[in-house]
Amino acid sequence: MCNHYRNLEKQMREWAAIEKASFADLEDVPDTDVWPRREAYVVRQEGGQRIVETMTWGVPLTMKGKRPGSPVTKHITNVRNLSSSFWRSMLATPAQRCLVPFTEFAEPKKGREEYWFSVPSRPVSAFAGIWRESEVGKVFAFLTCEPNALVAPLHPKAMPVILEEDSYEAWLVGAEAENLVTAFPSQLMAVAR
């Protein structure tokens, strides 16, 4: 499961200009390397405009702990089970969907090693994301799906849902967004081992 990706500041600002997304008043620029429970760029729709802002990666989910009366909070970064009631309301509400821009993403190799994947024809691509308000502020996660032919031999469990550029609007405001949850074409991606 993808728990590390990159966002290069210069490329992100150029991409936002092309996508006609305005930057919110950001006090801090997120790190280039994005890890769970850290701030990252997210693009969402509000009042017919696309806004780039930062949110924390990982939606908190409190569950029963092993001992009675000791709940455990997990921070969910990747969403696979789209039929879960926990995610249904966010998926069904266009205002809770977002684009998660990235320049490349990693899947685990072994130990601390990683495989890095990119879409060479684009300086910035976007994952299909969902977001919500939480007790720690705005948080997000992105969707995953069956891996494509490039990712599967290296990471057979899943891969992030990468949206085609012409699907951004449908993801952000469309009624049938779940139809976009599919593996990105492997021939359009590259891997650096």
Protein backbone atom coordinates (compact mmCIF):
# COMPACT_ATOMS: atom_id res chain seq x y z
CA MET A 1 0.00 0.00 0.00
CA CYS A 2 1.32 3.42 -0.91
CA ASN A 3 2.47 5.30 2.19
CA HIS A 4 5.04 7.58 0.59
CA TYR A 5 4.87 9.94 -2.35
CA ARG A 6 6.50 13.12 -3.60
CA ASN A 7 5.32 16.57 -4.54
CA LEU A 8 7.78 19.05 -5.96
CA GLU A 9 6.85 22.65 -5.10
CA LYS A 10 7.74 24.24 -8.46
CA GLN A 11 5.92 21.56 -10.47
CA MET A 12 2.93 21.75 -8.12
CA ARG A 13 2.48 25.50 -8.62
CA GLU A 14 2.80 25.15 -12.41
CA TRP A 15 0.24 22.34 -12.42
CA ALA A 16 -2.19 24.33 -10.26
CA ALA A 17 -1.98 27.24 -12.72
CA ILE A 18 -2.80 24.92 -15.64
CA GLU A 19 -5.70 23.39 -13.69
CA LYS A 20 -6.92 26.90 -12.79
CA ALA A 21 -6.69 26.08 -9.09
CA SER A 22 -5.93 28.91 -6.70
CA PHE A 23 -3.72 28.46 -3.66
CA ALA A 24 -5.32 29.07 -0.29
CA ASP A 25 -3.30 31.34 1.98
CA LEU A 26 -0.74 28.73 2.95
CA GLU A 27 1.55 29.57 5.84
CA ASP A 28 3.87 26.62 5.30
CA VAL A 29 4.84 24.71 2.19
CA PRO A 30 4.59 20.94 2.79
CA ASP A 31 7.68 18.76 2.55
CA THR A 32 8.61 17.33 -0.83
CA ASP A 33 8.40 13.80 0.58
CA VAL A 34 4.92 13.07 1.89
CA TRP A 35 4.38 10.49 4.66
CA PRO A 36 1.26 9.55 6.64
CA ARG A 37 0.11 12.06 9.28
CA ARG A 38 1.95 14.91 7.57
CA GLU A 39 0.66 17.89 5.65
CA ALA A 40 0.28 17.62 1.87
CA TYR A 41 -1.33 19.50 -0.99
CA VAL A 42 -4.92 18.67 -1.86
CA VAL A 43 -7.17 20.21 -4.53
CA ARG A 44 -10.87 20.44 -3.79
CA GLN A 45 -13.86 22.19 -5.30
CA GLU A 46 -15.63 24.97 -3.42
CA GLY A 47 -18.16 27.38 -4.87
CA GLY A 48 -17.32 26.33 -8.43
CA GLN A 49 -13.59 27.06 -7.91
CA ARG A 50 -10.69 24.70 -7.39
CA ILE A 51 -8.68 25.45 -4.28
CA VAL A 52 -5.22 24.13 -3.41
CA GLU A 53 -4.69 23.79 0.31
CA THR A 54 -2.88 21.57 2.77
CA MET A 55 -4.47 18.77 4.75
CA THR A 56 -3.12 15.99 6.93
CA TRP A 57 -2.71 12.62 5.21
CA GLY A 58 -4.65 9.98 7.15
CA VAL A 59 -8.29 9.90 8.25
CA PRO A 60 -8.52 9.01 11.96
CA LEU A 61 -10.66 5.98 12.75
CA THR A 62 -11.18 5.04 16.40
CA MET A 63 -11.71 1.34 17.05
CA LYS A 64 -12.02 -0.97 20.03
CA GLY A 65 -8.67 -1.81 21.56
CA LYS A 66 -7.59 -5.22 22.79
CA ARG A 67 -8.40 -4.24 26.38
CA PRO A 68 -11.92 -3.13 27.31
CA GLY A 69 -12.22 0.64 27.53
CA SER A 70 -8.98 1.30 25.62
CA PRO A 71 -9.84 2.52 22.12
CA VAL A 72 -7.19 2.66 19.40
CA THR A 73 -7.04 5.33 16.71
CA LYS A 74 -5.72 4.34 13.28
CA HIS A 75 -4.98 6.87 10.56
CA ILE A 76 -6.28 5.48 7.27
CA THR A 77 -4.25 6.67 4.29
CA ASN A 78 -5.52 4.34 1.55
CA VAL A 79 -9.18 3.45 0.90
CA ARG A 80 -9.89 0.11 -0.76
CA ASN A 81 -13.29 -1.02 0.56
CA LEU A 82 -15.63 1.44 -1.15
CA SER A 83 -18.72 -0.27 0.25
CA SER A 84 -17.73 0.49 3.85
CA SER A 85 -20.21 2.80 5.55
CA PHE A 86 -17.26 4.79 6.90
CA TRP A 87 -16.32 5.91 3.36
CA ARG A 88 -19.71 5.84 1.59
CA SER A 89 -20.82 9.30 2.68
CA MET A 90 -17.56 10.92 1.55
CA LEU A 91 -17.64 9.14 -1.80
CA ALA A 92 -21.29 10.02 -2.36
CA THR A 93 -20.72 13.71 -1.60
CA PRO A 94 -18.79 15.52 -4.35
CA ALA A 95 -17.72 18.26 -1.93
CA GLN A 96 -15.82 15.58 0.04
CA ARG A 97 -13.80 14.41 -2.97
CA CYS A 98 -10.42 15.84 -3.82
CA LEU A 99 -7.41 15.50 -6.09
CA VAL A 100 -4.16 14.53 -4.41
CA PRO A 101 -1.35 15.80 -6.65
CA PHE A 102 1.90 13.85 -6.83
CA THR A 103 5.05 13.70 -8.94
CA GLU A 104 5.87 10.08 -8.08
CA PHE A 105 4.76 7.45 -5.56
CA ALA A 106 6.45 4.54 -3.81
CA GLU A 107 5.50 0.99 -3.00
CA PRO A 108 7.56 -1.08 -0.53
CA LYS A 109 10.32 -3.31 -1.87
CA LYS A 110 11.90 -4.90 1.19
CA GLY A 111 13.19 -3.39 4.37
CA ARG A 112 13.36 0.36 3.79
CA GLU A 113 13.80 0.04 0.03
CA GLU A 114 11.04 1.23 -2.30
CA TYR A 115 9.97 1.06 -5.93
CA TRP A 116 9.15 4.48 -7.36
CA PHE A 117 6.47 4.95 -10.01
CA SER A 118 5.65 7.98 -12.15
CA VAL A 119 3.66 9.13 -15.17
CA PRO A 120 6.51 10.43 -17.39
CA SER A 121 4.28 12.41 -19.75
CA ARG A 122 3.04 14.58 -16.86
CA PRO A 123 5.07 16.67 -14.43
CA VAL A 124 2.25 16.22 -11.88
CA SER A 125 -0.52 13.60 -11.73
CA ALA A 126 -3.38 13.22 -9.25
CA PHE A 127 -4.78 10.45 -7.08
CA ALA A 128 -8.54 10.18 -6.49
CA GLY A 129 -8.93 11.38 -2.91
CA ILE A 130 -11.57 11.99 -0.27
CA TRP A 131 -11.39 14.36 2.67
CA ARG A 132 -13.27 15.47 5.77
CA GLU A 133 -13.03 17.65 8.84
CA SER A 134 -11.74 15.96 11.98
CA GLU A 135 -10.71 16.94 15.49
CA VAL A 136 -7.22 17.68 14.10
CA GLY A 137 -8.44 19.73 11.13
CA LYS A 138 -8.91 18.68 7.51
CA VAL A 139 -7.69 15.16 6.70
CA PHE A 140 -7.60 13.09 3.51
CA ALA A 141 -6.98 9.63 2.11
CA PHE A 142 -6.82 8.38 -1.45
CA LEU A 143 -8.41 5.41 -3.12
CA THR A 144 -6.62 2.24 -4.18
CA CYS A 145 -7.50 -0.47 -6.69
CA GLU A 146 -6.14 -3.65 -8.24
CA PRO A 147 -2.62 -2.98 -9.58
CA ASN A 148 -1.96 -2.65 -13.29
CA ALA A 149 0.53 -4.79 -15.25
CA LEU A 150 3.48 -2.55 -14.33
CA VAL A 151 2.82 -2.36 -10.58
CA ALA A 152 1.47 -5.91 -9.98
CA PRO A 153 4.78 -7.83 -10.34
CA LEU A 154 6.41 -5.49 -7.81
CA HIS A 155 3.46 -4.85 -5.49
CA PRO A 156 0.56 -7.25 -6.14
CA LYS A 157 -1.72 -6.01 -3.35
CA ALA A 158 -2.95 -2.66 -4.71
CA MET A 159 -2.01 0.66 -6.27
CA PRO A 160 -3.38 4.21 -5.90
CA VAL A 161 -6.19 5.29 -8.20
CA ILE A 162 -4.54 7.75 -10.61
CA LEU A 163 -7.01 9.86 -12.53
CA GLU A 164 -6.77 10.74 -16.21
CA GLU A 165 -6.55 14.51 -16.63
CA ASP A 166 -9.90 14.64 -18.40
CA SER A 167 -11.50 12.90 -15.39
CA TYR A 168 -10.58 15.51 -12.77
CA GLU A 169 -13.84 17.41 -13.13
CA ALA A 170 -15.94 14.23 -13.05
CA TRP A 171 -14.16 13.13 -9.86
CA LEU A 172 -14.65 16.47 -8.13
CA VAL A 173 -18.29 17.12 -9.05
CA GLY A 174 -19.74 14.10 -10.87
CA ALA A 175 -22.46 11.79 -9.61
CA GLU A 176 -20.86 8.60 -10.97
CA ALA A 177 -17.35 9.10 -9.57
CA GLU A 178 -16.99 5.45 -8.51
CA ASN A 179 -16.75 4.52 -12.20
CA LEU A 180 -13.34 6.26 -12.21
CA VAL A 181 -11.92 3.87 -9.61
CA THR A 182 -9.74 1.76 -11.89
CA ALA A 183 -6.07 1.05 -12.52
CA PHE A 184 -4.20 3.63 -14.57
CA PRO A 185 -2.88 2.29 -17.92
CA SER A 186 0.48 0.64 -17.27
CA GLN A 187 1.91 1.71 -20.65
CA LEU A 188 1.64 5.35 -19.48
CA MET A 189 3.71 4.75 -16.34
CA ALA A 190 7.38 4.11 -15.55
CA VAL A 191 9.23 2.53 -12.67
CA ALA A 192 12.67 3.32 -11.27
CA ARG A 193 13.96 0.24 -9.44
